[in-house]
Each structure stands twice: as structure tokens, then as C-alpha cells.
């Protein structure tokens, strides 16, 4: 999404995570339905993507010696 310049679409893809939160899950389910609450590494991807895709923070040099910031802020959170 970042490379294609479509980062504004990211927040709209979080509906499965929103539904899990609404059902009271405390860890991310492997699937939206049928679900069971397991702790999977992919469930933390919204944490990473919020900074990387929505806020546009990325490394511009090895070891983050330089940082680029190119946010996609057209869509605000619900």
C-alpha cells in the first residue's frame, strides 16, 4: 500500500480487528468467524502499520540514522 501510494486505504481494512474488539476478545482471533481468541503475531500488525503506513514513518538509512515521514492521513479513524 505504501509503495503504491494507497496508504489512505489502510484504516478501512481494520474492520475484522474492530469486530474482534467489539466481541470483547483480548487477543486476536485466527479468523474473524468462527473464532477463538489466540495470541498470534500477525494480530499486532495494526500496531506496526499505524506508524508505518498511516503516519508514514520509515527508515531512510541503515539503523534509522535518517527517517522519512510520508503520512497518509486522508481518512481519519472512526
PDB file of N, CA and C in Angstrom:
ATOM      1  N   UNK A   1       0.816  -1.183   0.000  1.00  0.00           N
ATOM      2  CA  UNK A   1       0.000   0.000   0.000  1.00  0.00           C
ATOM      3  C   UNK A   1       0.863   1.251   0.000  1.00  0.00           C
ATOM      4  N   UNK A   2       1.946   1.224   0.778  1.00  0.00           N
ATOM      5  CA  UNK A   2       2.826   2.388   0.804  1.00  0.00           C
ATOM      6  C   UNK A   2       3.455   2.630  -0.558  1.00  0.00           C
ATOM      7  N   UNK A   3       4.016   1.592  -1.142  1.00  0.00           N
ATOM      8  CA  UNK A   3       4.703   1.731  -2.424  1.00  0.00           C
ATOM      9  C   UNK A   3       3.754   2.163  -3.533  1.00  0.00           C
ATOM     10  N   UNK A   4       2.511   1.746  -3.446  1.00  0.00           N
ATOM     11  CA  UNK A   4       1.522   2.104  -4.461  1.00  0.00           C
ATOM     12  C   UNK A   4       0.845   3.443  -4.174  1.00  0.00           C
ATOM     13  N   UNK A   5       1.207   4.057  -3.044  1.00  0.00           N
ATOM     14  CA  UNK A   5       0.592   5.330  -2.688  1.00  0.00           C
ATOM     15  C   UNK A   5      -0.839   5.202  -2.222  1.00  0.00           C
ATOM     16  N   UNK A   6      -1.204   4.026  -1.717  1.00  0.00           N
ATOM     17  CA  UNK A   6      -2.582   3.752  -1.303  1.00  0.00           C
ATOM     18  C   UNK A   6      -2.733   3.622   0.208  1.00  0.00           C
ATOM     19  N   UNK A   7      -1.818   4.202   0.962  1.00  0.00           N
ATOM     20  CA  UNK A   7      -1.867   4.085   2.418  1.00  0.00           C
ATOM     21  C   UNK A   7      -3.128   4.627   3.044  1.00  0.00           C
ATOM     22  N   UNK A   8      -3.801   5.538   2.349  1.00  0.00           N
ATOM     23  CA  UNK A   8      -5.065   6.066   2.874  1.00  0.00           C
ATOM     24  C   UNK A   8      -6.127   4.986   3.026  1.00  0.00           C
ATOM     25  N   UNK A   9      -5.975   3.898   2.335  1.00  0.00           N
ATOM     26  CA  UNK A   9      -6.960   2.814   2.395  1.00  0.00           C
ATOM     27  C   UNK A   9      -6.789   1.922   3.623  1.00  0.00           C
ATOM     28  N   UNK A  10      -5.653   2.009   4.319  1.00  0.00           N
ATOM     29  CA  UNK A  10      -5.336   1.048   5.380  1.00  0.00           C
ATOM     30  C   UNK A  10      -6.377   1.014   6.505  1.00  0.00           C
ATOM     31  N   UNK A  11      -6.750   2.155   7.019  1.00  0.00           N
ATOM     32  CA  UNK A  11      -7.685   2.164   8.154  1.00  0.00           C
ATOM     33  C   UNK A  11      -9.008   1.493   7.811  1.00  0.00           C
ATOM     34  N   UNK A  12      -9.409   1.549   6.564  1.00  0.00           N
ATOM     35  CA  UNK A  12     -10.635   0.889   6.135  1.00  0.00           C
ATOM     36  C   UNK A  12     -10.545  -0.622   6.131  1.00  0.00           C
ATOM     37  N   UNK A  13      -9.334  -1.153   6.211  1.00  0.00           N
ATOM     38  CA  UNK A  13      -9.149  -2.606   6.213  1.00  0.00           C
ATOM     39  C   UNK A  13      -9.149  -3.200   7.615  1.00  0.00           C
ATOM     40  N   UNK A  14      -9.334  -2.391   8.621  1.00  0.00           N
ATOM     41  CA  UNK A  14      -9.259  -2.867  10.003  1.00  0.00           C
ATOM     42  C   UNK A  14     -10.582  -3.375  10.564  1.00  0.00           C
ATOM     43  N   UNK A  15     -11.592  -3.506   9.740  1.00  0.00           N
ATOM     44  CA  UNK A  15     -12.889  -3.965  10.252  1.00  0.00           C
ATOM     45  C   UNK A  15     -12.841  -5.312  10.968  1.00  0.00           C
ATOM     46  N   UNK A  16     -12.079  -6.320  10.503  1.00  0.00           N
ATOM     47  CA  UNK A  16     -12.014  -7.570  11.268  1.00  0.00           C
ATOM     48  C   UNK A  16     -11.502  -7.350  12.695  1.00  0.00           C
ATOM     49  N   UNK A  17     -10.506  -6.502  12.866  1.00  0.00           N
ATOM     50  CA  UNK A  17      -9.974  -6.227  14.195  1.00  0.00           C
ATOM     51  C   UNK A  17     -11.006  -5.471  15.030  1.00  0.00           C
ATOM     52  N   UNK A  18     -11.721  -4.549  14.410  1.00  0.00           N
ATOM     53  CA  UNK A  18     -12.765  -3.814  15.146  1.00  0.00           C
ATOM     54  C   UNK A  18     -13.864  -4.761  15.632  1.00  0.00           C
ATOM     55  N   UNK A  19     -14.253  -5.715  14.793  1.00  0.00           N
ATOM     56  CA  UNK A  19     -15.288  -6.677  15.203  1.00  0.00           C
ATOM     57  C   UNK A  19     -14.803  -7.538  16.369  1.00  0.00           C
ATOM     58  N   UNK A  20     -13.538  -7.929  16.347  1.00  0.00           N
ATOM     59  CA  UNK A  20     -12.997  -8.728  17.450  1.00  0.00           C
ATOM     60  C   UNK A  20     -13.017  -7.925  18.745  1.00  0.00           C
ATOM     61  N   UNK A  21     -12.640  -6.676  18.680  1.00  0.00           N
ATOM     62  CA  UNK A  21     -12.687  -5.825  19.865  1.00  0.00           C
ATOM     63  C   UNK A  21     -14.116  -5.668  20.368  1.00  0.00           C
ATOM     64  N   UNK A  22     -15.050  -5.501  19.457  1.00  0.00           N
ATOM     65  CA  UNK A  22     -16.459  -5.341  19.839  1.00  0.00           C
ATOM     66  C   UNK A  22     -17.005  -6.589  20.521  1.00  0.00           C
ATOM     67  N   UNK A  23     -16.466  -7.768  20.159  1.00  0.00           N
ATOM     68  CA  UNK A  23     -16.899  -9.020  20.792  1.00  0.00           C
ATOM     69  C   UNK A  23     -16.195  -9.253  22.120  1.00  0.00           C
ATOM     70  N   UNK A  24     -15.296  -8.359  22.493  1.00  0.00           N
ATOM     71  CA  UNK A  24     -14.632  -8.472  23.785  1.00  0.00           C
ATOM     72  C   UNK A  24     -13.385  -9.345  23.791  1.00  0.00           C
ATOM     73  N   UNK A  25     -12.877  -9.714  22.605  1.00  0.00           N
ATOM     74  CA  UNK A  25     -11.655 -10.520  22.571  1.00  0.00           C
ATOM     75  C   UNK A  25     -10.491  -9.698  23.101  1.00  0.00           C
ATOM     76  N   UNK A  26      -9.637 -10.333  23.871  1.00  0.00           N
ATOM     77  CA  UNK A  26      -8.478  -9.641  24.427  1.00  0.00           C
ATOM     78  C   UNK A  26      -7.199  -9.988  23.686  1.00  0.00           C
ATOM     79  N   UNK A  27      -7.252 -11.005  22.840  1.00  0.00           N
ATOM     80  CA  UNK A  27      -6.163 -11.309  21.915  1.00  0.00           C
ATOM     81  C   UNK A  27      -6.804 -11.526  20.558  1.00  0.00           C
ATOM     82  N   UNK A  28      -6.022 -11.406  19.498  1.00  0.00           N
ATOM     83  CA  UNK A  28      -6.582 -11.507  18.150  1.00  0.00           C
ATOM     84  C   UNK A  28      -6.918 -12.935  17.788  1.00  0.00           C
ATOM     85  N   UNK A  29      -8.075 -13.097  17.202  1.00  0.00           N
ATOM     86  CA  UNK A  29      -8.503 -14.413  16.741  1.00  0.00           C
ATOM     87  C   UNK A  29      -7.776 -14.774  15.451  1.00  0.00           C
ATOM     88  N   UNK A  30      -7.654 -16.085  15.212  1.00  0.00           N
ATOM     89  CA  UNK A  30      -7.001 -16.521  13.991  1.00  0.00           C
ATOM     90  C   UNK A  30      -7.841 -16.161  12.769  1.00  0.00           C
ATOM     91  N   UNK A  31      -9.153 -16.190  12.933  1.00  0.00           N
ATOM     92  CA  UNK A  31     -10.097 -15.810  11.888  1.00  0.00           C
ATOM     93  C   UNK A  31     -11.169 -14.944  12.506  1.00  0.00           C
ATOM     94  N   UNK A  32     -11.838 -14.205  11.639  1.00  0.00           N
ATOM     95  CA  UNK A  32     -12.932 -13.368  12.124  1.00  0.00           C
ATOM     96  C   UNK A  32     -14.065 -14.244  12.654  1.00  0.00           C
ATOM     97  N   UNK A  33     -14.535 -15.177  11.860  1.00  0.00           N
ATOM     98  CA  UNK A  33     -15.564 -16.140  12.276  1.00  0.00           C
ATOM     99  C   UNK A  33     -15.336 -17.446  11.542  1.00  0.00           C
ATOM    100  N   UNK A  34     -15.464 -18.611  12.100  1.00  0.00           N
ATOM    101  CA  UNK A  34     -15.570 -18.834  13.539  1.00  0.00           C
ATOM    102  C   UNK A  34     -14.246 -18.480  14.203  1.00  0.00           C
ATOM    103  N   UNK A  35     -14.312 -18.054  15.414  1.00  0.00           N
ATOM    104  CA  UNK A  35     -13.093 -17.562  16.048  1.00  0.00           C
ATOM    105  C   UNK A  35     -12.839 -18.230  17.384  1.00  0.00           C
ATOM    106  N   UNK A  36     -11.619 -18.151  17.745  1.00  0.00           N
ATOM    107  CA  UNK A  36     -11.204 -18.428  19.113  1.00  0.00           C
ATOM    108  C   UNK A  36     -10.086 -17.441  19.375  1.00  0.00           C
ATOM    109  N   UNK A  37      -9.964 -16.992  20.580  1.00  0.00           N
ATOM    110  CA  UNK A  37      -9.019 -15.936  20.891  1.00  0.00           C
ATOM    111  C   UNK A  37      -7.638 -16.530  21.148  1.00  0.00           C
ATOM    112  N   UNK A  38      -6.796 -16.451  20.140  1.00  0.00           N
ATOM    113  CA  UNK A  38      -5.412 -16.894  20.259  1.00  0.00           C
ATOM    114  C   UNK A  38      -4.515 -15.680  20.132  1.00  0.00           C
ATOM    115  N   UNK A  39      -3.334 -15.793  20.667  1.00  0.00           N
ATOM    116  CA  UNK A  39      -2.385 -14.695  20.528  1.00  0.00           C
ATOM    117  C   UNK A  39      -1.465 -15.012  19.359  1.00  0.00           C
ATOM    118  N   UNK A  40      -1.669 -14.340  18.227  1.00  0.00           N
ATOM    119  CA  UNK A  40      -0.872 -14.560  17.030  1.00  0.00           C
ATOM    120  C   UNK A  40      -0.080 -13.303  16.710  1.00  0.00           C
ATOM    121  N   UNK A  41       1.118 -13.497  16.215  1.00  0.00           N
ATOM    122  CA  UNK A  41       1.981 -12.355  15.900  1.00  0.00           C
ATOM    123  C   UNK A  41       1.337 -11.422  14.885  1.00  0.00           C
ATOM    124  N   UNK A  42       0.612 -11.980  13.907  1.00  0.00           N
ATOM    125  CA  UNK A  42       0.012 -11.102  12.891  1.00  0.00           C
ATOM    126  C   UNK A  42      -1.010 -10.153  13.503  1.00  0.00           C
ATOM    127  N   UNK A  43      -1.536 -10.509  14.668  1.00  0.00           N
ATOM    128  CA  UNK A  43      -2.519  -9.660  15.319  1.00  0.00           C
ATOM    129  C   UNK A  43      -1.952  -8.321  15.766  1.00  0.00           C
ATOM    130  N   UNK A  44      -0.635  -8.227  15.834  1.00  0.00           N
ATOM    131  CA  UNK A  44      -0.024  -6.955  16.211  1.00  0.00           C
ATOM    132  C   UNK A  44       0.259  -6.077  15.001  1.00  0.00           C
ATOM    133  N   UNK A  45      -0.054  -6.550  13.808  1.00  0.00           N
ATOM    134  CA  UNK A  45       0.258  -5.767  12.611  1.00  0.00           C
ATOM    135  C   UNK A  45      -0.384  -4.372  12.609  1.00  0.00           C
ATOM    136  N   UNK A  46      -1.597  -4.183  13.146  1.00  0.00           N
ATOM    137  CA  UNK A  46      -2.119  -2.806  13.172  1.00  0.00           C
ATOM    138  C   UNK A  46      -1.218  -1.856  13.970  1.00  0.00           C
ATOM    139  N   UNK A  47      -0.554  -2.360  15.008  1.00  0.00           N
ATOM    140  CA  UNK A  47       0.360  -1.508  15.775  1.00  0.00           C
ATOM    141  C   UNK A  47       1.498  -1.005  14.892  1.00  0.00           C
ATOM    142  N   UNK A  48       2.092  -1.905  14.128  1.00  0.00           N
ATOM    143  CA  UNK A  48       3.179  -1.532  13.226  1.00  0.00           C
ATOM    144  C   UNK A  48       2.675  -0.638  12.099  1.00  0.00           C
ATOM    145  N   UNK A  49       1.585  -1.047  11.467  1.00  0.00           N
ATOM    146  CA  UNK A  49       1.104  -0.333  10.290  1.00  0.00           C
ATOM    147  C   UNK A  49       0.566   1.058  10.609  1.00  0.00           C
ATOM    148  N   UNK A  50       0.079   1.276  11.812  1.00  0.00           N
ATOM    149  CA  UNK A  50      -0.367   2.617  12.179  1.00  0.00           C
ATOM    150  C   UNK A  50       0.791   3.605  12.033  1.00  0.00           C
ATOM    151  N   UNK A  51       1.956   3.225  12.530  1.00  0.00           N
ATOM    152  CA  UNK A  51       3.120   4.103  12.428  1.00  0.00           C
ATOM    153  C   UNK A  51       3.718   4.095  11.023  1.00  0.00           C
ATOM    154  N   UNK A  52       3.825   2.913  10.429  1.00  0.00           N
ATOM    155  CA  UNK A  52       4.486   2.785   9.133  1.00  0.00           C
ATOM    156  C   UNK A  52       3.619   3.290   7.989  1.00  0.00           C
ATOM    157  N   UNK A  53       2.369   2.893   7.942  1.00  0.00           N
ATOM    158  CA  UNK A  53       1.513   3.230   6.815  1.00  0.00           C
ATOM    159  C   UNK A  53       0.740   4.523   7.042  1.00  0.00           C
ATOM    160  N   UNK A  54       0.014   4.622   8.131  1.00  0.00           N
ATOM    161  CA  UNK A  54      -0.840   5.789   8.350  1.00  0.00           C
ATOM    162  C   UNK A  54       0.003   7.033   8.652  1.00  0.00           C
ATOM    163  N   UNK A  55       0.932   6.917   9.600  1.00  0.00           N
ATOM    164  CA  UNK A  55       1.781   8.061   9.928  1.00  0.00           C
ATOM    165  C   UNK A  55       2.969   8.186   8.979  1.00  0.00           C
ATOM    166  N   UNK A  56       3.280   7.118   8.247  1.00  0.00           N
ATOM    167  CA  UNK A  56       4.312   7.172   7.215  1.00  0.00           C
ATOM    168  C   UNK A  56       5.735   7.223   7.716  1.00  0.00           C
ATOM    169  N   UNK A  57       5.993   6.731   8.913  1.00  0.00           N
ATOM    170  CA  UNK A  57       7.344   6.761   9.484  1.00  0.00           C
ATOM    171  C   UNK A  57       8.114   5.549   8.996  1.00  0.00           C
ATOM    172  N   UNK A  58       9.276   5.800   8.390  1.00  0.00           N
ATOM    173  CA  UNK A  58      10.083   4.708   7.838  1.00  0.00           C
ATOM    174  C   UNK A  58      11.556   5.076   7.918  1.00  0.00           C
ATOM    175  N   UNK A  59      12.379   4.063   7.864  1.00  0.00           N
ATOM    176  CA  UNK A  59      13.822   4.282   7.873  1.00  0.00           C
ATOM    177  C   UNK A  59      14.274   4.768   6.499  1.00  0.00           C
ATOM    178  N   UNK A  60      15.094   5.796   6.477  1.00  0.00           N
ATOM    179  CA  UNK A  60      15.642   6.316   5.227  1.00  0.00           C
ATOM    180  C   UNK A  60      17.141   6.036   5.131  1.00  0.00           C
ATOM    181  N   UNK A  61      17.680   5.364   6.143  1.00  0.00           N
ATOM    182  CA  UNK A  61      19.096   4.997   6.155  1.00  0.00           C
ATOM    183  C   UNK A  61      19.267   3.836   7.130  1.00  0.00           C
ATOM    184  N   UNK A  62      20.293   3.023   6.941  1.00  0.00           N
ATOM    185  CA  UNK A  62      20.518   1.895   7.856  1.00  0.00           C
ATOM    186  C   UNK A  62      20.511   2.345   9.316  1.00  0.00           C
ATOM    187  N   UNK A  63      19.868   1.521  10.140  1.00  0.00           N
ATOM    188  CA  UNK A  63      19.805   1.807  11.576  1.00  0.00           C
ATOM    189  C   UNK A  63      18.950   3.011  11.930  1.00  0.00           C
ATOM    190  N   UNK A  64      18.063   3.421  11.035  1.00  0.00           N
ATOM    191  CA  UNK A  64      17.207   4.591  11.246  1.00  0.00           C
ATOM    192  C   UNK A  64      18.039   5.853  11.487  1.00  0.00           C
ATOM    193  N   UNK A  65      19.217   5.923  10.876  1.00  0.00           N
ATOM    194  CA  UNK A  65      20.036   7.135  11.028  1.00  0.00           C
ATOM    195  C   UNK A  65      19.333   8.347  10.420  1.00  0.00           C
ATOM    196  N   UNK A  66      18.533   8.086   9.407  1.00  0.00           N
ATOM    197  CA  UNK A  66      17.662   9.110   8.820  1.00  0.00           C
ATOM    198  C   UNK A  66      16.257   8.530   8.777  1.00  0.00           C
ATOM    199  N   UNK A  67      15.293   9.384   8.918  1.00  0.00           N
ATOM    200  CA  UNK A  67      13.898   8.945   8.950  1.00  0.00           C
ATOM    201  C   UNK A  67      13.119   9.689   7.869  1.00  0.00           C
ATOM    202  N   UNK A  68      12.248   8.968   7.195  1.00  0.00           N
ATOM    203  CA  UNK A  68      11.336   9.628   6.271  1.00  0.00           C
ATOM    204  C   UNK A  68       9.938   9.599   6.880  1.00  0.00           C
ATOM    205  N   UNK A  69       9.197  10.652   6.651  1.00  0.00           N
ATOM    206  CA  UNK A  69       7.828  10.743   7.143  1.00  0.00           C
ATOM    207  C   UNK A  69       6.959  11.135   5.953  1.00  0.00           C
ATOM    208  N   UNK A  70       6.090  10.206   5.546  1.00  0.00           N
ATOM    209  CA  UNK A  70       5.173  10.445   4.435  1.00  0.00           C
ATOM    210  C   UNK A  70       3.804   9.894   4.839  1.00  0.00           C
ATOM    211  N   UNK A  71       3.049  10.648   5.607  1.00  0.00           N
ATOM    212  CA  UNK A  71       1.777  10.146   6.139  1.00  0.00           C
ATOM    213  C   UNK A  71       0.667  10.051   5.100  1.00  0.00           C
ATOM    214  N   UNK A  72      -0.232   9.139   5.370  1.00  0.00           N
ATOM    215  CA  UNK A  72      -1.474   9.001   4.611  1.00  0.00           C
ATOM    216  C   UNK A  72      -2.595   9.307   5.590  1.00  0.00           C
ATOM    217  N   UNK A  73      -3.039  10.538   5.602  1.00  0.00           N
ATOM    218  CA  UNK A  73      -3.993  10.972   6.619  1.00  0.00           C
ATOM    219  C   UNK A  73      -5.361  11.358   6.052  1.00  0.00           C
ATOM    220  N   UNK A  74      -5.646  10.952   4.835  1.00  0.00           N
ATOM    221  CA  UNK A  74      -6.912  11.348   4.218  1.00  0.00           C
ATOM    222  C   UNK A  74      -8.125  10.793   4.965  1.00  0.00           C
ATOM    223  N   UNK A  75      -7.997   9.631   5.569  1.00  0.00           N
ATOM    224  CA  UNK A  75      -9.111   9.011   6.289  1.00  0.00           C
ATOM    225  C   UNK A  75      -8.804   9.043   7.777  1.00  0.00           C
ATOM    226  N   UNK A  76      -9.629   9.671   8.538  1.00  0.00           N
ATOM    227  CA  UNK A  76      -9.434   9.702   9.977  1.00  0.00           C
ATOM    228  C   UNK A  76     -10.047   8.476  10.623  1.00  0.00           C
ATOM    229  N   UNK A  77      -9.550   8.065  11.806  1.00  0.00           N
ATOM    230  CA  UNK A  77     -10.111   6.882  12.490  1.00  0.00           C
ATOM    231  C   UNK A  77     -11.588   7.090  12.825  1.00  0.00           C
ATOM    232  N   UNK A  78     -12.282   5.971  12.885  1.00  0.00           N
ATOM    233  CA  UNK A  78     -13.716   6.017  13.232  1.00  0.00           C
ATOM    234  C   UNK A  78     -13.902   6.240  14.705  1.00  0.00           C
TER     235      UNK A  78
END
